[in-house]
């Protein structure tokens, strides 16, 4: 009975975490798109996405709330991810680092550009943490999938990690655009695609567990 309750709790985390993982990119990019629509002067080539967070009025409200809410949802996804990847230490580390990525996303929304509480550049700190820790988390998770002999997921996750990191490497080497909105978007879109795929896997995994538990209960 105790074992059954534990498995149901784990299944609940996978179900809700997976569902939230699918929803996070939709919420985040909806609010980003709305904030861009309310500020026609915004340029993908010349601005940073975070510039939207300091535009007076509805633009900043939409952008900062969207990022904060997305970070909070992503943290929920990270808990479900920990449950999914808890079979070896690389998976646990990857999920914990992903949790830190989620907190950094919240921080970007909480601390818009120019926020210097206690004379510390919080926005810069959270932005760098988000875009740096994301590929690091994914590389740990690649290790988990390799150990688990899940070749397709390991290749997929590795490709996403490379796509998330490449725009920044190229930006600092070549400076192919004046602003950073384009590398930000490419990295965020790559991470979003990964979250949606893994979220669906978590959701499916939980459904299978629930069906198995039902069969055992009925027998």
Protein backbone atom coordinates (compact mmCIF):
# COMPACT_ATOMS: atom_id res chain seq x y z
CA UNK A 1 0.00 0.00 0.00
CA UNK A 2 2.79 2.42 0.93
CA UNK A 3 4.60 1.54 -2.28
CA UNK A 4 1.42 2.18 -4.26
CA UNK A 5 0.95 5.61 -2.69
CA UNK A 6 4.58 6.50 -3.43
CA UNK A 7 4.21 5.45 -7.07
CA UNK A 8 1.00 7.47 -7.41
CA UNK A 9 2.75 10.54 -5.99
CA UNK A 10 5.65 10.08 -8.42
CA UNK A 11 3.15 9.63 -11.25
CA UNK A 12 1.39 12.85 -10.21
CA UNK A 13 4.65 14.81 -10.40
CA UNK A 14 5.38 13.37 -13.83
CA UNK A 15 1.87 14.14 -15.10
CA UNK A 16 1.73 17.71 -13.84
CA UNK A 17 5.40 18.43 -14.53
CA UNK A 18 5.10 17.09 -18.05
CA UNK A 19 1.97 19.11 -18.74
CA UNK A 20 3.60 22.26 -17.39
CA UNK A 21 6.73 21.58 -19.47
CA UNK A 22 4.59 21.60 -22.58
CA UNK A 23 2.85 24.82 -21.53
CA UNK A 24 5.90 26.86 -20.45
CA UNK A 25 7.09 27.79 -23.98
CA UNK A 26 3.53 28.68 -25.02
CA UNK A 27 3.12 31.03 -22.05
CA UNK A 28 6.60 32.56 -22.39
CA UNK A 29 6.46 33.26 -26.11
CA UNK A 30 2.86 34.49 -25.97
CA UNK A 31 3.85 37.20 -23.49
CA UNK A 32 7.04 38.02 -25.41
CA UNK A 33 5.05 38.36 -28.64
CA UNK A 34 2.43 40.55 -26.95
CA UNK A 35 5.09 42.81 -25.47
CA UNK A 36 6.77 43.18 -28.90
CA UNK A 37 3.40 44.03 -30.48
CA UNK A 38 2.88 46.82 -27.96
CA UNK A 39 6.28 48.36 -28.76
CA UNK A 40 6.73 48.79 -32.55
CA UNK A 41 10.16 50.39 -32.08
CA UNK A 42 11.61 47.07 -30.94
CA UNK A 43 14.17 45.56 -33.34
CA UNK A 44 15.30 41.94 -33.24
CA UNK A 45 18.60 42.94 -34.82
CA UNK A 46 19.43 45.91 -32.59
CA UNK A 47 17.81 45.20 -29.22
CA UNK A 48 17.93 42.65 -26.44
CA UNK A 49 14.67 40.99 -25.47
CA UNK A 50 15.19 42.39 -21.99
CA UNK A 51 14.88 45.93 -23.39
CA UNK A 52 11.14 45.21 -23.44
CA UNK A 53 11.19 44.86 -19.66
CA UNK A 54 11.96 48.54 -19.11
CA UNK A 55 9.54 50.11 -21.60
CA UNK A 56 7.01 52.10 -19.53
CA UNK A 57 3.43 50.89 -19.44
CA UNK A 58 1.90 47.62 -20.61
CA UNK A 59 4.99 46.45 -22.52
CA UNK A 60 7.18 46.01 -19.44
CA UNK A 61 4.29 44.54 -17.45
CA UNK A 62 3.58 41.89 -20.08
CA UNK A 63 7.23 41.00 -20.59
CA UNK A 64 8.30 40.80 -16.94
CA UNK A 65 5.16 39.00 -15.78
CA UNK A 66 5.49 36.50 -18.62
CA UNK A 67 9.08 35.66 -17.74
CA UNK A 68 8.39 35.44 -14.00
CA UNK A 69 5.36 33.18 -14.53
CA UNK A 70 7.27 31.04 -17.04
CA UNK A 71 10.14 30.65 -14.58
CA UNK A 72 7.75 29.54 -11.86
CA UNK A 73 6.15 27.01 -14.20
CA UNK A 74 9.57 25.84 -15.36
CA UNK A 75 10.54 25.17 -11.75
CA UNK A 76 7.56 22.84 -11.47
CA UNK A 77 8.70 21.12 -14.66
CA UNK A 78 12.19 20.76 -13.14
CA UNK A 79 10.76 18.88 -10.15
CA UNK A 80 9.01 16.46 -12.49
CA UNK A 81 12.24 16.21 -14.48
CA UNK A 82 14.10 15.22 -11.31
CA UNK A 83 11.59 12.43 -10.76
CA UNK A 84 12.07 11.26 -14.35
CA UNK A 85 15.89 11.36 -14.24
CA UNK A 86 16.50 10.18 -10.67
CA UNK A 87 17.87 6.76 -11.62
CA UNK A 88 21.48 8.02 -11.79
CA UNK A 89 23.51 10.93 -10.48
CA UNK A 90 23.96 12.65 -13.87
CA UNK A 91 20.21 12.87 -14.29
CA UNK A 92 19.79 14.30 -10.79
CA UNK A 93 22.49 16.91 -11.37
CA UNK A 94 20.99 17.83 -14.74
CA UNK A 95 17.54 18.31 -13.20
CA UNK A 96 18.95 20.40 -10.33
CA UNK A 97 20.87 22.63 -12.75
CA UNK A 98 17.68 22.93 -14.81
CA UNK A 99 15.96 24.06 -11.62
CA UNK A 100 18.62 26.78 -11.32
CA UNK A 101 17.85 27.76 -14.94
CA UNK A 102 14.19 28.13 -13.94
CA UNK A 103 15.10 30.36 -10.98
CA UNK A 104 17.27 32.47 -13.29
CA UNK A 105 14.31 32.91 -15.66
CA UNK A 106 12.18 34.07 -12.74
CA UNK A 107 14.99 36.42 -11.76
CA UNK A 108 15.07 38.04 -15.21
CA UNK A 109 11.39 38.90 -14.81
CA UNK A 110 11.84 40.04 -11.22
CA UNK A 111 14.88 42.22 -11.95
CA UNK A 112 14.52 44.18 -15.22
CA UNK A 113 17.50 45.95 -16.79
CA UNK A 114 19.04 48.50 -14.47
CA UNK A 115 17.98 46.74 -11.24
CA UNK A 116 20.90 47.24 -8.86
CA UNK A 117 19.68 46.18 -5.43
CA UNK A 118 22.62 46.30 -2.98
CA UNK A 119 24.75 47.62 -5.86
CA UNK A 120 24.63 44.25 -7.61
CA UNK A 121 23.66 43.92 -11.33
CA UNK A 122 20.92 41.34 -10.76
CA UNK A 123 19.49 41.39 -14.26
CA UNK A 124 22.85 40.74 -15.88
CA UNK A 125 23.56 37.98 -13.36
CA UNK A 126 20.24 36.21 -13.98
CA UNK A 127 20.50 36.58 -17.77
CA UNK A 128 24.02 35.13 -17.92
CA UNK A 129 23.01 32.33 -15.54
CA UNK A 130 20.00 31.42 -17.68
CA UNK A 131 21.80 31.19 -21.01
CA UNK A 132 24.94 29.58 -19.55
CA UNK A 133 23.33 26.98 -17.30
CA UNK A 134 20.81 25.81 -19.89
CA UNK A 135 23.30 23.94 -22.15
CA UNK A 136 25.19 22.73 -19.08
CA UNK A 137 22.01 21.16 -17.67
CA UNK A 138 21.31 19.54 -21.04
CA UNK A 139 24.81 18.05 -21.24
CA UNK A 140 24.36 16.35 -17.86
CA UNK A 141 21.04 14.99 -19.11
CA UNK A 142 22.75 13.70 -22.25
CA UNK A 143 24.92 11.64 -19.90
CA UNK A 144 21.84 10.29 -18.17
CA UNK A 145 20.26 9.18 -21.44
CA UNK A 146 23.50 7.55 -22.58
CA UNK A 147 23.75 5.53 -19.35
CA UNK A 148 20.07 4.63 -19.68
CA UNK A 149 20.75 3.46 -23.26
CA UNK A 150 18.22 5.92 -24.67
CA UNK A 151 20.23 6.76 -27.76
CA UNK A 152 17.63 8.83 -29.61
CA UNK A 153 16.95 11.08 -26.62
CA UNK A 154 20.66 11.49 -25.93
CA UNK A 155 21.32 12.60 -29.54
CA UNK A 156 18.28 14.90 -29.51
CA UNK A 157 19.32 16.50 -26.21
CA UNK A 158 22.92 16.93 -27.38
CA UNK A 159 21.76 18.66 -30.56
CA UNK A 160 19.53 20.98 -28.54
CA UNK A 161 22.44 21.82 -26.21
CA UNK A 162 24.62 22.67 -29.21
CA UNK A 163 21.91 24.80 -30.81
CA UNK A 164 21.35 26.62 -27.50
CA UNK A 165 25.06 27.39 -27.11
CA UNK A 166 26.10 28.03 -30.74
CA UNK A 167 24.41 31.45 -31.23
CA UNK A 168 26.33 32.83 -28.24
CA UNK A 169 29.67 31.38 -29.30
CA UNK A 170 29.19 32.86 -32.77
CA UNK A 171 27.98 36.16 -31.34
CA UNK A 172 31.15 36.67 -29.30
CA UNK A 173 33.39 35.43 -32.11
CA UNK A 174 31.77 37.15 -35.09
CA UNK A 175 29.23 39.63 -33.62
CA UNK A 176 26.82 38.89 -36.47
CA UNK A 177 24.13 41.26 -35.11
CA UNK A 178 24.39 44.47 -33.05
CA UNK A 179 21.91 43.31 -30.40
CA UNK A 180 21.42 40.01 -28.57
CA UNK A 181 17.71 39.37 -29.19
CA UNK A 182 18.43 36.92 -32.03
CA UNK A 183 20.83 34.66 -30.07
CA UNK A 184 18.44 34.91 -27.12
CA UNK A 185 15.53 33.76 -29.25
CA UNK A 186 17.44 30.90 -30.89
CA UNK A 187 18.62 29.57 -27.52
CA UNK A 188 15.18 29.96 -25.96
CA UNK A 189 13.42 28.28 -28.89
CA UNK A 190 15.83 25.33 -28.76
CA UNK A 191 15.29 24.89 -25.02
CA UNK A 192 11.53 25.23 -25.53
CA UNK A 193 11.46 22.47 -28.15
CA UNK A 194 13.36 20.21 -25.76
CA UNK A 195 11.03 21.01 -22.83
CA UNK A 196 7.95 20.21 -24.91
CA UNK A 197 9.33 16.88 -26.14
CA UNK A 198 10.52 15.79 -22.69
CA UNK A 199 7.32 17.11 -21.13
CA UNK A 200 5.34 14.85 -23.46
CA UNK A 201 7.60 11.93 -22.54
CA UNK A 202 7.01 12.62 -18.83
CA UNK A 203 3.27 12.80 -19.41
CA UNK A 204 3.28 9.52 -21.35
CA UNK A 205 5.47 7.84 -18.71
CA UNK A 206 3.02 8.87 -15.98
CA UNK A 207 0.05 7.59 -17.99
CA UNK A 208 1.75 4.20 -18.40
CA UNK A 209 2.47 4.04 -14.66
CA UNK A 210 -1.12 4.88 -13.82
CA UNK A 211 -2.43 2.17 -16.15
CA UNK A 212 -0.06 -0.36 -14.60
CA UNK A 213 -1.18 0.61 -11.10
CA UNK A 214 -4.82 0.24 -12.14
CA UNK A 215 -4.19 -3.24 -13.49
CA UNK A 216 -2.41 -4.25 -10.28
CA UNK A 217 -5.19 -2.84 -8.13
CA UNK A 218 -7.86 -4.67 -10.11
CA UNK A 219 -6.01 -7.96 -9.76
